[in-house]
C-alpha atoms as a PDB file:
ATOM      1  CA  MET A   1     -94.206  46.361  46.210  1.00  0.00           C
ATOM      2  CA  SER A   2     -95.288  47.096  42.504  1.00  0.00           C
ATOM      3  CA  HIS A   3     -97.201  50.066  43.849  1.00  0.00           C
ATOM      4  CA  SER A   4     -94.077  51.678  45.418  1.00  0.00           C
ATOM      5  CA  HIS A   5     -91.848  51.492  42.458  1.00  0.00           C
ATOM      6  CA  PRO A   6     -94.075  53.684  40.120  1.00  0.00           C
ATOM      7  CA  PRO A   7     -93.763  56.708  42.397  1.00  0.00           C
ATOM      8  CA  VAL A   8     -89.919  56.198  42.682  1.00  0.00           C
ATOM      9  CA  LEU A   9     -89.483  56.095  38.888  1.00  0.00           C
ATOM     10  CA  ARG A  10     -91.753  58.907  38.435  1.00  0.00           C
ATOM     11  CA  ARG A  11     -89.560  60.969  40.756  1.00  0.00           C
ATOM     12  CA  LEU A  12     -86.382  59.773  38.902  1.00  0.00           C
ATOM     13  CA  ALA A  13     -87.755  60.796  35.666  1.00  0.00           C
ATOM     14  CA  LEU A  14     -88.694  64.152  36.927  1.00  0.00           C
ATOM     15  CA  PHE A  15     -85.188  64.482  38.372  1.00  0.00           C
ATOM     16  CA  GLY A  16     -83.823  63.393  35.103  1.00  0.00           C
ATOM     17  CA  LEU A  17     -85.997  65.899  33.176  1.00  0.00           C
ATOM     18  CA  ALA A  18     -84.948  68.838  35.713  1.00  0.00           C
ATOM     19  CA  ALA A  19     -81.183  68.040  35.251  1.00  0.00           C
ATOM     20  CA  ALA A  20     -81.460  68.031  31.719  1.00  0.00           C
ATOM     21  CA  LEU A  21     -83.257  71.233  31.753  1.00  0.00           C
ATOM     22  CA  VAL A  22     -80.522  72.898  34.190  1.00  0.00           C
ATOM     23  CA  THR A  23     -77.743  71.477  31.912  1.00  0.00           C
ATOM     24  CA  THR A  24     -79.121  72.995  28.789  1.00  0.00           C
ATOM     25  CA  VAL A  25     -79.717  76.199  30.195  1.00  0.00           C
ATOM     26  CA  THR A  26     -76.553  76.336  31.947  1.00  0.00           C
ATOM     27  CA  LEU A  27     -74.505  75.297  28.748  1.00  0.00           C
ATOM     28  CA  GLY A  28     -76.762  77.499  26.678  1.00  0.00           C
ATOM     29  CA  ALA A  29     -75.822  80.569  28.748  1.00  0.00           C
ATOM     30  CA  ALA A  30     -72.063  79.697  28.618  1.00  0.00           C
ATOM     31  CA  ALA A  31     -71.917  79.158  25.042  1.00  0.00           C
ATOM     32  CA  PRO A  32     -71.033  82.382  23.126  1.00  0.00           C
ATOM     33  CA  SER A  33     -73.339  83.731  20.556  1.00  0.00           C
ATOM     34  CA  PRO A  34     -71.599  84.180  17.110  1.00  0.00           C
ATOM     35  CA  ALA A  35     -71.685  87.986  17.714  1.00  0.00           C
ATOM     36  CA  ALA A  36     -69.778  87.506  20.906  1.00  0.00           C
ATOM     37  CA  ALA A  37     -67.276  85.429  19.425  1.00  0.00           C
ATOM     38  CA  ASP A  38     -66.717  87.893  16.621  1.00  0.00           C
ATOM     39  CA  SER A  39     -66.179  90.702  19.200  1.00  0.00           C
ATOM     40  CA  ARG A  40     -63.704  88.797  21.064  1.00  0.00           C
ATOM     41  CA  ALA A  41     -61.901  87.836  18.161  1.00  0.00           C
ATOM     42  CA  ALA A  42     -61.665  91.453  17.044  1.00  0.00           C
ATOM     43  CA  GLY A  43     -60.513  92.388  20.422  1.00  0.00           C
ATOM     44  CA  SER A  44     -57.652  89.954  20.286  1.00  0.00           C
ATOM     45  CA  HIS A  45     -56.667  91.358  16.973  1.00  0.00           C
ATOM     46  CA  ALA A  46     -56.839  94.884  18.384  1.00  0.00           C
ATOM     47  CA  THR A  47     -54.608  93.480  21.133  1.00  0.00           C
ATOM     48  CA  ALA A  48     -52.326  92.011  18.792  1.00  0.00           C
ATOM     49  CA  ALA A  49     -51.958  95.242  16.756  1.00  0.00           C
ATOM     50  CA  GLN A  50     -51.354  97.144  20.007  1.00  0.00           C
ATOM     51  CA  ARG A  51     -48.535  94.729  21.085  1.00  0.00           C
ATOM     52  CA  ALA A  52     -46.964  95.305  17.398  1.00  0.00           C
ATOM     53  CA  ALA A  53     -47.360  98.969  17.795  1.00  0.00           C
ATOM     54  CA  LYS A  54     -45.800  99.117  21.338  1.00  0.00           C
ATOM     55  CA  ALA A  55     -43.069  96.788  20.034  1.00  0.00           C
ATOM     56  CA  ARG A  56     -42.443  99.147  17.118  1.00  0.00           C
ATOM     57  CA  ALA A  57     -42.352 102.233  19.397  1.00  0.00           C
ATOM     58  CA  ALA A  58     -39.824 100.336  21.725  1.00  0.00           C
ATOM     59  CA  GLN A  59     -37.648  99.736  18.806  1.00  0.00           C
ATOM     60  CA  ALA A  60     -37.765 103.276  17.409  1.00  0.00           C
ATOM     61  CA  ARG A  61     -36.823 104.511  21.136  1.00  0.00           C
ATOM     62  CA  ALA A  62     -33.989 101.950  21.326  1.00  0.00           C
ATOM     63  CA  VAL A  63     -32.700 103.107  17.848  1.00  0.00           C
ATOM     64  CA  ALA A  64     -32.811 106.799  19.033  1.00  0.00           C
ATOM     65  CA  ALA A  65     -31.190 106.079  22.107  1.00  0.00           C
ATOM     66  CA  ALA A  66     -28.395 104.159  20.265  1.00  0.00           C
ATOM     67  CA  LYS A  67     -28.017 107.190  17.680  1.00  0.00           C
ATOM     68  CA  ALA A  68     -27.652 109.639  20.608  1.00  0.00           C
ATOM     69  CA  ARG A  69     -25.246 107.475  22.200  1.00  0.00           C
ATOM     70  CA  GLY A  70     -23.214 107.304  18.797  1.00  0.00           C
ATOM     71  CA  LEU A  71     -23.202 111.080  18.928  1.00  0.00           C
ATOM     72  CA  ARG A  72     -21.665 111.139  22.456  1.00  0.00           C
ATOM     73  CA  ILE A  73     -18.963 108.462  21.391  1.00  0.00           C
ATOM     74  CA  VAL A  74     -17.968 110.856  18.543  1.00  0.00           C
ATOM     75  CA  ALA A  75     -17.968 113.843  20.838  1.00  0.00           C
ATOM     76  CA  PHE A  76     -15.502 111.763  23.334  1.00  0.00           C
ATOM     77  CA  ALA A  77     -13.373 110.964  20.420  1.00  0.00           C
ATOM     78  CA  LYS A  78     -13.369 114.623  19.224  1.00  0.00           C
ATOM     79  CA  ALA A  79     -12.366 115.640  22.905  1.00  0.00           C
ATOM     80  CA  GLN A  80      -9.067 113.526  22.529  1.00  0.00           C
ATOM     81  CA  LYS A  81      -7.907 115.336  19.536  1.00  0.00           C
ATOM     82  CA  GLY A  82      -4.402 115.923  19.369  1.00  0.00           C
ATOM     83  CA  LYS A  83      -3.296 113.492  22.261  1.00  0.00           C
ATOM     84  CA  PRO A  84      -0.222 111.382  21.206  1.00  0.00           C
ATOM     85  CA  TYR A  85      -0.126 107.924  20.081  1.00  0.00           C
ATOM     86  CA  ARG A  86       1.600 105.639  21.989  1.00  0.00           C
ATOM     87  CA  LEU A  87       1.471 101.848  21.465  1.00  0.00           C
ATOM     88  CA  GLY A  88      -0.779  99.947  24.144  1.00  0.00           C
ATOM     89  CA  ALA A  89      -2.087 103.230  25.711  1.00  0.00           C
ATOM     90  CA  GLY A  90      -5.797 103.259  26.523  1.00  0.00           C
ATOM     91  CA  GLY A  91      -5.942 107.099  27.829  1.00  0.00           C
ATOM     92  CA  PRO A  92      -6.468 109.558  29.116  1.00  0.00           C
ATOM     93  CA  LYS A  93      -3.214 111.317  28.044  1.00  0.00           C
ATOM     94  CA  ALA A  94      -2.140 108.999  25.051  1.00  0.00           C
ATOM     95  CA  PHE A  95      -3.700 106.163  22.980  1.00  0.00           C
ATOM     96  CA  ASP A  96      -3.036 103.602  20.283  1.00  0.00           C
ATOM     97  CA  CYS A  97      -6.054 102.849  18.021  1.00  0.00           C
ATOM     98  CA  SER A  98      -7.943 100.344  20.046  1.00  0.00           C
ATOM     99  CA  GLY A  99      -7.205 102.083  23.175  1.00  0.00           C
ATOM    100  CA  LEU A 100      -9.232 105.256  21.807  1.00  0.00           C
ATOM    101  CA  ALA A 101     -11.945 103.158  20.838  1.00  0.00           C
ATOM    102  CA  GLY A 102     -12.054 101.444  24.055  1.00  0.00           C
ATOM    103  CA  TYR A 103     -11.674 104.709  26.008  1.00  0.00           C
ATOM    104  CA  VAL A 104     -14.542 106.453  24.288  1.00  0.00           C
ATOM    105  CA  TYR A 105     -17.008 103.568  24.512  1.00  0.00           C
ATOM    106  CA  ARG A 106     -16.157 103.045  28.078  1.00  0.00           C
ATOM    107  CA  LYS A 107     -17.157 106.823  28.534  1.00  0.00           C
ATOM    108  CA  ALA A 108     -20.548 105.688  26.979  1.00  0.00           C
ATOM    109  CA  GLN A 109     -20.782 102.860  29.354  1.00  0.00           C
ATOM    110  CA  LEU A 110     -19.993 100.214  26.846  1.00  0.00           C
ATOM    111  CA  LYS A 111     -17.185  97.671  27.148  1.00  0.00           C
ATOM    112  CA  LEU A 112     -14.833  96.742  24.276  1.00  0.00           C
ATOM    113  CA  GLY A 113     -12.013  94.207  24.178  1.00  0.00           C
ATOM    114  CA  ARG A 114      -8.371  95.603  24.284  1.00  0.00           C
ATOM    115  CA  THR A 115      -7.070  95.060  20.796  1.00  0.00           C
ATOM    116  CA  ALA A 116      -8.444  96.170  17.343  1.00  0.00           C
ATOM    117  CA  ASN A 117      -8.891  92.266  16.542  1.00  0.00           C
ATOM    118  CA  ALA A 118     -10.782  91.673  19.874  1.00  0.00           C
ATOM    119  CA  GLN A 119     -13.101  94.570  19.109  1.00  0.00           C
ATOM    120  CA  PHE A 120     -13.574  93.255  15.525  1.00  0.00           C
ATOM    121  CA  HIS A 121     -14.713  89.942  16.791  1.00  0.00           C
ATOM    122  CA  GLN A 122     -17.052  91.540  19.421  1.00  0.00           C
ATOM    123  CA  VAL A 123     -19.023  93.627  17.107  1.00  0.00           C
ATOM    124  CA  ARG A 124     -22.229  93.019  14.964  1.00  0.00           C
ATOM    125  CA  ARG A 125     -21.122  93.589  11.406  1.00  0.00           C
ATOM    126  CA  LEU A 126     -22.564  96.183   9.341  1.00  0.00           C
ATOM    127  CA  ALA A 127     -23.046  96.966   5.571  1.00  0.00           C
ATOM    128  CA  LYS A 128     -21.550 100.388   4.503  1.00  0.00           C
ATOM    129  CA  ALA A 129     -25.004 101.651   4.170  1.00  0.00           C
ATOM    130  CA  GLN A 130     -25.978 100.825   7.690  1.00  0.00           C
ATOM    131  CA  ARG A 131     -23.125 102.948   9.320  1.00  0.00           C
ATOM    132  CA  ARG A 132     -23.728 105.708  11.664  1.00  0.00           C
ATOM    133  CA  PRO A 133     -21.628 107.898  13.773  1.00  0.00           C
ATOM    134  CA  GLY A 134     -20.121 106.067  16.832  1.00  0.00           C
ATOM    135  CA  ASP A 135     -19.874 102.921  15.042  1.00  0.00           C
ATOM    136  CA  LEU A 136     -16.578 101.160  14.793  1.00  0.00           C
ATOM    137  CA  VAL A 137     -14.404 101.091  11.549  1.00  0.00           C
ATOM    138  CA  PHE A 138     -11.954  98.262  11.166  1.00  0.00           C
ATOM    139  CA  TRP A 139      -8.946  97.774   8.506  1.00  0.00           C
ATOM    140  CA  VAL A 140      -9.054  93.817   8.068  1.00  0.00           C
ATOM    141  CA  ARG A 141      -6.456  91.760   6.152  1.00  0.00           C
ATOM    142  CA  GLY A 142      -6.960  87.939   6.056  1.00  0.00           C
ATOM    143  CA  GLY A 143      -9.863  88.060   8.421  1.00  0.00           C
ATOM    144  CA  HIS A 144      -7.836  89.960  11.184  1.00  0.00           C
ATOM    145  CA  ALA A 145      -8.185  93.394  12.288  1.00  0.00           C
ATOM    146  CA  TYR A 146      -5.128  95.507  12.276  1.00  0.00           C
ATOM    147  CA  HIS A 147      -6.621  99.111  12.997  1.00  0.00           C
ATOM    148  CA  VAL A 148      -9.724 100.450  14.378  1.00  0.00           C
ATOM    149  CA  ALA A 149     -11.407 103.994  14.286  1.00  0.00           C
ATOM    150  CA  VAL A 150     -14.483 105.449  15.398  1.00  0.00           C
ATOM    151  CA  TYR A 151     -16.920 106.528  12.619  1.00  0.00           C
ATOM    152  CA  ALA A 152     -17.749 110.401  12.609  1.00  0.00           C
ATOM    153  CA  GLY A 153     -19.999 110.624   9.743  1.00  0.00           C
ATOM    154  CA  GLN A 154     -19.431 111.751   6.288  1.00  0.00           C
ATOM    155  CA  GLY A 155     -16.845 109.118   5.267  1.00  0.00           C
ATOM    156  CA  LYS A 156     -14.594 110.307   8.167  1.00  0.00           C
ATOM    157  CA  VAL A 157     -13.160 108.801  11.166  1.00  0.00           C
ATOM    158  CA  TRP A 158     -11.529 109.694  14.644  1.00  0.00           C
ATOM    159  CA  HIS A 159      -8.422 107.643  15.135  1.00  0.00           C
ATOM    160  CA  ALA A 160      -4.855 107.297  16.632  1.00  0.00           C
ATOM    161  CA  PRO A 161      -3.138 106.297  13.592  1.00  0.00           C
ATOM    162  CA  LYS A 162       0.439 105.453  14.162  1.00  0.00           C
ATOM    163  CA  PRO A 163       3.569 106.206  16.217  1.00  0.00           C
ATOM    164  CA  GLY A 164       4.617 109.764  16.039  1.00  0.00           C
ATOM    165  CA  SER A 165       1.049 110.958  15.170  1.00  0.00           C
ATOM    166  CA  ARG A 166      -1.789 112.387  17.209  1.00  0.00           C
ATOM    167  CA  VAL A 167      -5.379 111.623  17.504  1.00  0.00           C
ATOM    168  CA  LYS A 168      -7.108 113.188  14.502  1.00  0.00           C
ATOM    169  CA  LEU A 169     -10.136 113.186  12.223  1.00  0.00           C
ATOM    170  CA  ALA A 170      -9.359 111.907   8.923  1.00  0.00           C
ATOM    171  CA  ALA A 171     -11.052 110.530   5.734  1.00  0.00           C
ATOM    172  CA  ILE A 172     -11.445 106.585   5.652  1.00  0.00           C
ATOM    173  CA  PHE A 173      -8.342 105.358   3.675  1.00  0.00           C
ATOM    174  CA  GLU A 174      -7.968 102.013   1.894  1.00  0.00           C
ATOM    175  CA  PRO A 175     -11.562 101.406   1.646  1.00  0.00           C
ATOM    176  CA  GLY A 176     -11.352  97.993   0.158  1.00  0.00           C
ATOM    177  CA  ARG A 177      -9.821  96.808   3.529  1.00  0.00           C
ATOM    178  CA  VAL A 178     -12.537  98.551   5.844  1.00  0.00           C
ATOM    179  CA  ARG A 179     -15.480  96.523   7.663  1.00  0.00           C
ATOM    180  CA  TYR A 180     -18.027  98.091  10.110  1.00  0.00           C
ATOM    181  CA  GLY A 181     -19.529  97.313  13.254  1.00  0.00           C
ATOM    182  CA  ARG A 182     -21.545  98.157  16.179  1.00  0.00           C
ATOM    183  CA  ILE A 183     -22.207  97.219  19.621  1.00  0.00           C
ATOM    184  CA  GLY A 184     -25.980  96.962  20.459  1.00  0.00           C
ATOM    185  CA  VAL A 185     -28.888  98.424  18.401  1.00  0.00           C
END
């Protein structure tokens, strides 16, 4: 029996050596070289840079679309020039202040609340330097908006000011009470 074990042990030893060689060759082939690792890292960096560039381009397109929408809102407001003020009216023949804002925003596919105060609490607040045509201008006292208008640019607004008046373009009045807001970008 001692004669049969040595060939078996030899075969096991050879099998173990072969397995070790196969494992070494396979793992060696799978392990990346330092140059390959650097290349993949550069590729992922380029991909991150490409994603950032795409995100910036998408943001720029969104801002351009929002600016164009703002100009359409101003044009819709201007088209209401001369229509009478009527408390609670939301167009198209007469308006109160929030009715005018709601009407022109609906024309631009945006929804606003019914009152100036509801609209005030719906918008993203802006600094004066951030305002642009189509934004909303609110007159606020004690945290409550009591009047709203559509910013036309150059310090002017389209609004339905009060009973007995008509929709008109006017300079922003009482600037200390004014707050600015925007729906969207």
